[in-house]
Amino acid sequence: MPLTKDDLLNQARKELTIINADDAVKLMETGATILDVREPAEFDMGHLTGAVNIPRGLLEFMVGNNPALQSTDKALLVYCKNGGRSTLAADTLQKMGFEQVRMLAGGFDNWTGTIHKVEIADNQYNG
């Protein structure tokens, strides 16, 4: 029987370390690499401070070319809009040899609010 998207997500979650926004802040303070796997237009509308953007659909092809992702033993925080794409991305990164992958629970939607900082691309009007 073929696997559904829910089957794939549930399998991946069993292998992941999922952290909340407050723990993500602590991880970021240690110099972890932050990886946003949303599409560029989503990233431009707002993203975690200092995040690198590689869309989920291109991850396997681009991860080796990104200077921020050259060390497989450095802490890595992965997020997307609400957790689906980042679940699959974090699972893939672990399979690719990244040793300290963490995923942000609830993604960017859970991050935004009054206490967590967001950067907006210069090409976006935010007045």
N, C-alpha and C. Protein backbone atom coordinates (compact mmCIF):
# COMPACT_ATOMS: atom_id res chain seq x y z
N MET A 1 0.84 -1.18 0.00
CA MET A 1 0.00 0.00 0.00
C MET A 1 0.89 1.25 0.00
N PRO A 2 0.61 2.19 -0.88
CA PRO A 2 1.43 3.41 -0.95
C PRO A 2 1.33 4.25 0.34
N LEU A 3 2.41 4.95 0.63
CA LEU A 3 2.42 5.84 1.79
C LEU A 3 1.75 7.17 1.43
N THR A 4 1.03 7.73 2.39
CA THR A 4 0.43 9.05 2.22
C THR A 4 1.38 10.10 2.76
N LYS A 5 1.07 11.36 2.54
CA LYS A 5 1.89 12.44 3.10
C LYS A 5 1.90 12.36 4.62
N ASP A 6 0.76 12.00 5.22
CA ASP A 6 0.70 11.87 6.68
C ASP A 6 1.59 10.73 7.17
N ASP A 7 1.63 9.64 6.43
CA ASP A 7 2.53 8.53 6.79
C ASP A 7 3.98 9.00 6.77
N LEU A 8 4.35 9.72 5.72
CA LEU A 8 5.72 10.21 5.60
C LEU A 8 6.07 11.19 6.72
N LEU A 9 5.14 12.09 7.03
CA LEU A 9 5.37 13.06 8.11
C LEU A 9 5.49 12.36 9.45
N ASN A 10 4.62 11.41 9.73
CA ASN A 10 4.67 10.69 11.00
C ASN A 10 5.95 9.89 11.15
N GLN A 11 6.40 9.24 10.08
CA GLN A 11 7.66 8.51 10.11
C GLN A 11 8.82 9.44 10.39
N ALA A 12 8.84 10.58 9.72
CA ALA A 12 9.93 11.54 9.89
C ALA A 12 9.95 12.11 11.31
N ARG A 13 8.79 12.44 11.85
CA ARG A 13 8.73 13.04 13.20
C ARG A 13 9.32 12.12 14.26
N LYS A 14 9.24 10.82 14.06
CA LYS A 14 9.79 9.87 15.03
C LYS A 14 11.30 10.01 15.16
N GLU A 15 11.94 10.53 14.13
CA GLU A 15 13.41 10.62 14.09
C GLU A 15 13.93 12.02 14.41
N LEU A 16 13.03 12.98 14.64
CA LEU A 16 13.43 14.39 14.76
C LEU A 16 13.44 14.88 16.19
N THR A 17 14.24 15.93 16.40
CA THR A 17 14.17 16.69 17.64
C THR A 17 13.43 17.98 17.30
N ILE A 18 12.24 18.12 17.88
CA ILE A 18 11.37 19.27 17.62
C ILE A 18 11.41 20.16 18.84
N ILE A 19 11.69 21.46 18.62
CA ILE A 19 11.82 22.38 19.75
C ILE A 19 10.84 23.55 19.60
N ASN A 20 10.49 24.16 20.73
CA ASN A 20 9.58 25.31 20.71
C ASN A 20 10.37 26.59 20.44
N ALA A 21 9.63 27.69 20.28
CA ALA A 21 10.25 28.96 19.92
C ALA A 21 11.26 29.44 20.97
N ASP A 22 10.95 29.27 22.24
CA ASP A 22 11.88 29.73 23.28
C ASP A 22 13.19 28.94 23.23
N ASP A 23 13.10 27.64 23.01
CA ASP A 23 14.32 26.85 22.89
C ASP A 23 15.07 27.19 21.60
N ALA A 24 14.32 27.56 20.57
CA ALA A 24 14.95 27.98 19.31
C ALA A 24 15.78 29.25 19.52
N VAL A 25 15.26 30.18 20.31
CA VAL A 25 16.01 31.41 20.61
C VAL A 25 17.33 31.05 21.29
N LYS A 26 17.27 30.16 22.25
CA LYS A 26 18.50 29.73 22.95
C LYS A 26 19.48 29.09 21.98
N LEU A 27 18.97 28.26 21.08
CA LEU A 27 19.82 27.62 20.09
C LEU A 27 20.45 28.65 19.16
N MET A 28 19.67 29.63 18.74
CA MET A 28 20.17 30.69 17.87
C MET A 28 21.28 31.48 18.56
N GLU A 29 21.14 31.68 19.86
CA GLU A 29 22.15 32.44 20.61
C GLU A 29 23.49 31.70 20.67
N THR A 30 23.48 30.40 20.42
CA THR A 30 24.73 29.63 20.41
C THR A 30 25.41 29.66 19.04
N GLY A 31 24.79 30.33 18.05
CA GLY A 31 25.37 30.43 16.72
C GLY A 31 24.90 29.37 15.75
N ALA A 32 23.79 28.72 16.05
CA ALA A 32 23.26 27.70 15.14
C ALA A 32 22.93 28.31 13.78
N THR A 33 23.03 27.52 12.75
CA THR A 33 22.60 27.92 11.41
C THR A 33 21.08 27.79 11.37
N ILE A 34 20.42 28.79 10.82
CA ILE A 34 18.96 28.80 10.72
C ILE A 34 18.60 28.62 9.25
N LEU A 35 17.81 27.59 8.97
CA LEU A 35 17.45 27.26 7.60
C LEU A 35 15.95 27.37 7.40
N ASP A 36 15.55 28.27 6.53
CA ASP A 36 14.15 28.48 6.15
C ASP A 36 13.93 27.72 4.85
N VAL A 37 13.02 26.74 4.85
CA VAL A 37 12.80 25.93 3.66
C VAL A 37 11.52 26.34 2.91
N ARG A 38 11.03 27.54 3.19
CA ARG A 38 9.88 28.05 2.44
C ARG A 38 10.34 28.59 1.09
N GLU A 39 9.39 28.96 0.27
CA GLU A 39 9.69 29.54 -1.03
C GLU A 39 10.24 30.96 -0.86
N PRO A 40 11.03 31.46 -1.81
CA PRO A 40 11.63 32.79 -1.69
C PRO A 40 10.62 33.91 -1.40
N ALA A 41 9.46 33.89 -2.01
CA ALA A 41 8.46 34.94 -1.76
C ALA A 41 7.99 34.92 -0.31
N GLU A 42 7.86 33.73 0.26
CA GLU A 42 7.47 33.63 1.68
C GLU A 42 8.59 34.17 2.56
N PHE A 43 9.81 33.81 2.23
CA PHE A 43 10.99 34.26 2.98
C PHE A 43 11.07 35.78 2.97
N ASP A 44 10.86 36.37 1.79
CA ASP A 44 10.94 37.83 1.65
C ASP A 44 9.91 38.56 2.50
N MET A 45 8.78 37.94 2.74
CA MET A 45 7.72 38.57 3.54
C MET A 45 8.06 38.61 5.03
N GLY A 46 9.02 37.81 5.45
CA GLY A 46 9.46 37.79 6.84
C GLY A 46 10.10 36.46 7.16
N HIS A 47 11.18 36.51 7.96
CA HIS A 47 11.90 35.29 8.30
C HIS A 47 12.64 35.48 9.62
N LEU A 48 13.09 34.40 10.20
CA LEU A 48 13.87 34.48 11.43
C LEU A 48 15.18 35.20 11.13
N THR A 49 15.63 35.98 12.08
CA THR A 49 16.85 36.77 11.93
C THR A 49 18.04 35.89 11.57
N GLY A 50 18.70 36.25 10.47
CA GLY A 50 19.89 35.55 10.04
C GLY A 50 19.65 34.25 9.29
N ALA A 51 18.42 33.96 8.95
CA ALA A 51 18.11 32.69 8.29
C ALA A 51 18.65 32.64 6.86
N VAL A 52 19.00 31.43 6.45
CA VAL A 52 19.38 31.10 5.08
C VAL A 52 18.15 30.50 4.43
N ASN A 53 17.88 30.85 3.19
CA ASN A 53 16.69 30.33 2.49
C ASN A 53 17.08 29.34 1.40
N ILE A 54 16.64 28.10 1.58
CA ILE A 54 16.74 27.08 0.53
C ILE A 54 15.37 26.41 0.50
N PRO A 55 14.60 26.59 -0.56
CA PRO A 55 13.28 25.97 -0.64
C PRO A 55 13.35 24.46 -0.51
N ARG A 56 12.36 23.88 0.15
CA ARG A 56 12.33 22.42 0.37
C ARG A 56 12.53 21.64 -0.93
N GLY A 57 11.93 22.08 -1.99
CA GLY A 57 12.03 21.35 -3.25
C GLY A 57 13.41 21.33 -3.87
N LEU A 58 14.29 22.20 -3.40
CA LEU A 58 15.65 22.28 -3.94
C LEU A 58 16.72 21.87 -2.93
N LEU A 59 16.31 21.48 -1.76
CA LEU A 59 17.23 21.25 -0.65
C LEU A 59 18.36 20.30 -0.99
N GLU A 60 18.04 19.12 -1.48
CA GLU A 60 19.07 18.12 -1.76
C GLU A 60 20.07 18.61 -2.80
N PHE A 61 19.61 19.46 -3.71
CA PHE A 61 20.47 19.95 -4.78
C PHE A 61 21.32 21.14 -4.36
N MET A 62 20.86 21.93 -3.40
CA MET A 62 21.53 23.18 -3.05
C MET A 62 22.31 23.14 -1.74
N VAL A 63 22.02 22.20 -0.87
CA VAL A 63 22.62 22.22 0.46
C VAL A 63 24.15 22.18 0.39
N GLY A 64 24.71 21.42 -0.52
CA GLY A 64 26.16 21.32 -0.62
C GLY A 64 26.84 22.57 -1.16
N ASN A 65 26.06 23.45 -1.78
CA ASN A 65 26.62 24.68 -2.36
C ASN A 65 26.53 25.88 -1.43
N ASN A 66 25.85 25.73 -0.32
CA ASN A 66 25.63 26.87 0.57
C ASN A 66 26.73 26.92 1.63
N PRO A 67 27.46 28.03 1.72
CA PRO A 67 28.55 28.13 2.70
C PRO A 67 28.10 27.92 4.15
N ALA A 68 26.86 28.29 4.47
CA ALA A 68 26.37 28.16 5.84
C ALA A 68 26.11 26.70 6.22
N LEU A 69 26.09 25.81 5.23
CA LEU A 69 25.74 24.41 5.49
C LEU A 69 26.88 23.45 5.15
N GLN A 70 28.09 23.91 5.29
CA GLN A 70 29.23 23.07 4.97
C GLN A 70 29.65 22.15 6.12
N SER A 71 29.28 22.49 7.32
CA SER A 71 29.66 21.68 8.48
C SER A 71 28.47 20.84 8.94
N THR A 72 28.59 19.53 8.83
CA THR A 72 27.49 18.65 9.21
C THR A 72 27.39 18.45 10.72
N ASP A 73 28.37 18.97 11.48
CA ASP A 73 28.29 18.81 12.94
C ASP A 73 27.87 20.09 13.66
N LYS A 74 27.56 21.15 12.92
CA LYS A 74 27.10 22.40 13.52
C LYS A 74 25.59 22.32 13.75
N ALA A 75 25.12 22.93 14.85
CA ALA A 75 23.69 22.96 15.15
C ALA A 75 22.93 23.64 14.02
N LEU A 76 21.79 23.07 13.67
CA LEU A 76 20.99 23.54 12.54
C LEU A 76 19.52 23.57 12.95
N LEU A 77 18.90 24.73 12.81
CA LEU A 77 17.48 24.91 13.10
C LEU A 77 16.74 25.06 11.79
N VAL A 78 15.77 24.19 11.53
CA VAL A 78 15.02 24.17 10.28
C VAL A 78 13.58 24.57 10.56
N TYR A 79 13.02 25.41 9.67
CA TYR A 79 11.61 25.77 9.81
C TYR A 79 10.99 26.06 8.46
N CYS A 80 9.65 26.02 8.43
CA CYS A 80 8.87 26.40 7.25
C CYS A 80 7.68 27.22 7.74
N LYS A 81 6.57 27.19 7.06
CA LYS A 81 5.41 27.98 7.47
C LYS A 81 4.78 27.41 8.74
N ASN A 82 4.46 26.11 8.72
CA ASN A 82 3.80 25.54 9.90
C ASN A 82 4.30 24.15 10.29
N GLY A 83 5.32 23.64 9.65
CA GLY A 83 5.96 22.41 10.10
C GLY A 83 5.98 21.24 9.14
N GLY A 84 5.21 21.27 8.09
CA GLY A 84 5.19 20.14 7.15
C GLY A 84 6.46 20.01 6.34
N ARG A 85 6.80 21.06 5.62
CA ARG A 85 8.01 21.02 4.79
C ARG A 85 9.26 20.87 5.63
N SER A 86 9.28 21.53 6.79
CA SER A 86 10.48 21.44 7.63
C SER A 86 10.64 20.05 8.24
N THR A 87 9.55 19.34 8.46
CA THR A 87 9.64 17.96 8.94
C THR A 87 10.38 17.11 7.92
N LEU A 88 9.95 17.20 6.67
CA LEU A 88 10.59 16.41 5.62
C LEU A 88 12.02 16.88 5.37
N ALA A 89 12.24 18.20 5.44
CA ALA A 89 13.59 18.74 5.22
C ALA A 89 14.54 18.30 6.34
N ALA A 90 14.10 18.38 7.58
CA ALA A 90 14.95 17.98 8.70
C ALA A 90 15.29 16.50 8.62
N ASP A 91 14.32 15.68 8.26
CA ASP A 91 14.56 14.25 8.09
C ASP A 91 15.59 14.01 6.98
N THR A 92 15.44 14.70 5.87
CA THR A 92 16.38 14.58 4.76
C THR A 92 17.78 15.00 5.19
N LEU A 93 17.89 16.12 5.88
CA LEU A 93 19.20 16.61 6.33
C LEU A 93 19.88 15.60 7.24
N GLN A 94 19.12 14.98 8.11
CA GLN A 94 19.70 13.95 8.97
C GLN A 94 20.21 12.77 8.13
N LYS A 95 19.45 12.39 7.14
CA LYS A 95 19.88 11.30 6.26
C LYS A 95 21.11 11.70 5.46
N MET A 96 21.29 13.00 5.23
CA MET A 96 22.45 13.50 4.50
C MET A 96 23.67 13.68 5.42
N GLY A 97 23.51 13.34 6.69
CA GLY A 97 24.65 13.36 7.60
C GLY A 97 24.72 14.52 8.58
N PHE A 98 23.76 15.41 8.57
CA PHE A 98 23.75 16.49 9.54
C PHE A 98 23.40 15.92 10.91
N GLU A 99 24.22 16.23 11.90
CA GLU A 99 24.15 15.56 13.19
C GLU A 99 23.34 16.29 14.25
N GLN A 100 23.16 17.59 14.12
CA GLN A 100 22.49 18.37 15.16
C GLN A 100 21.30 19.15 14.59
N VAL A 101 20.41 18.45 13.93
CA VAL A 101 19.24 19.08 13.31
C VAL A 101 18.14 19.23 14.35
N ARG A 102 17.59 20.42 14.42
CA ARG A 102 16.42 20.71 15.25
C ARG A 102 15.37 21.34 14.36
N MET A 103 14.11 21.06 14.66
CA MET A 103 13.02 21.63 13.87
C MET A 103 12.16 22.50 14.77
N LEU A 104 11.76 23.66 14.26
CA LEU A 104 10.92 24.58 15.01
C LEU A 104 9.47 24.11 14.97
N ALA A 105 8.92 23.79 16.12
CA ALA A 105 7.53 23.35 16.23
C ALA A 105 6.59 24.45 15.73
N GLY A 106 5.68 24.10 14.85
CA GLY A 106 4.71 25.06 14.36
C GLY A 106 5.25 26.04 13.34
N GLY A 107 6.54 25.97 13.03
CA GLY A 107 7.14 26.80 12.00
C GLY A 107 7.03 28.30 12.23
N PHE A 108 7.11 29.03 11.14
CA PHE A 108 7.08 30.49 11.19
C PHE A 108 5.77 31.00 11.79
N ASP A 109 4.68 30.32 11.50
CA ASP A 109 3.38 30.74 12.06
C ASP A 109 3.41 30.74 13.58
N ASN A 110 4.12 29.80 14.18
CA ASN A 110 4.20 29.72 15.64
C ASN A 110 5.23 30.71 16.19
N TRP A 111 6.16 31.12 15.37
CA TRP A 111 7.24 32.03 15.78
C TRP A 111 6.77 33.47 15.86
N THR A 112 6.02 33.89 14.86
CA THR A 112 5.63 35.30 14.78
C THR A 112 4.80 35.69 15.98
N GLY A 113 4.93 36.92 16.39
CA GLY A 113 4.25 37.42 17.56
C GLY A 113 5.03 38.57 18.16
N THR A 114 4.77 38.85 19.38
CA THR A 114 5.36 40.03 19.99
C THR A 114 6.75 39.80 20.57
N ILE A 115 7.14 38.57 20.84
CA ILE A 115 8.42 38.38 21.53
C ILE A 115 9.54 37.85 20.65
N HIS A 116 9.23 37.36 19.48
CA HIS A 116 10.27 36.79 18.62
C HIS A 116 10.52 37.69 17.42
N LYS A 117 11.80 37.95 17.14
CA LYS A 117 12.18 38.87 16.07
C LYS A 117 12.00 38.25 14.69
N VAL A 118 11.62 39.12 13.74
CA VAL A 118 11.45 38.72 12.35
C VAL A 118 12.15 39.75 11.48
N GLU A 119 12.86 39.29 10.45
CA GLU A 119 13.45 40.18 9.46
C GLU A 119 12.56 40.18 8.22
N ILE A 120 12.51 41.31 7.55
CA ILE A 120 11.75 41.43 6.31
C ILE A 120 12.73 41.89 5.23
N ALA A 121 12.65 41.28 4.06
CA ALA A 121 13.55 41.62 2.97
C ALA A 121 13.41 43.09 2.60
N ASP A 122 14.51 43.68 2.17
CA ASP A 122 14.53 45.11 1.79
C ASP A 122 13.57 45.44 0.67
N ASN A 123 13.22 44.47 -0.15
CA ASN A 123 12.34 44.74 -1.28
C ASN A 123 10.85 44.68 -0.91
N GLN A 124 10.56 44.53 0.39
CA GLN A 124 9.17 44.45 0.84
C GLN A 124 8.78 45.74 1.57
N TYR A 125 7.62 46.27 1.24
CA TYR A 125 7.12 47.46 1.93
C TYR A 125 6.53 47.01 3.26
N ASN A 126 6.95 47.65 4.34
CA ASN A 126 6.41 47.27 5.64
C ASN A 126 6.00 48.50 6.45
N GLY A 127 5.65 49.56 5.76
CA GLY A 127 5.26 50.80 6.43
C GLY A 127 3.84 50.80 6.71
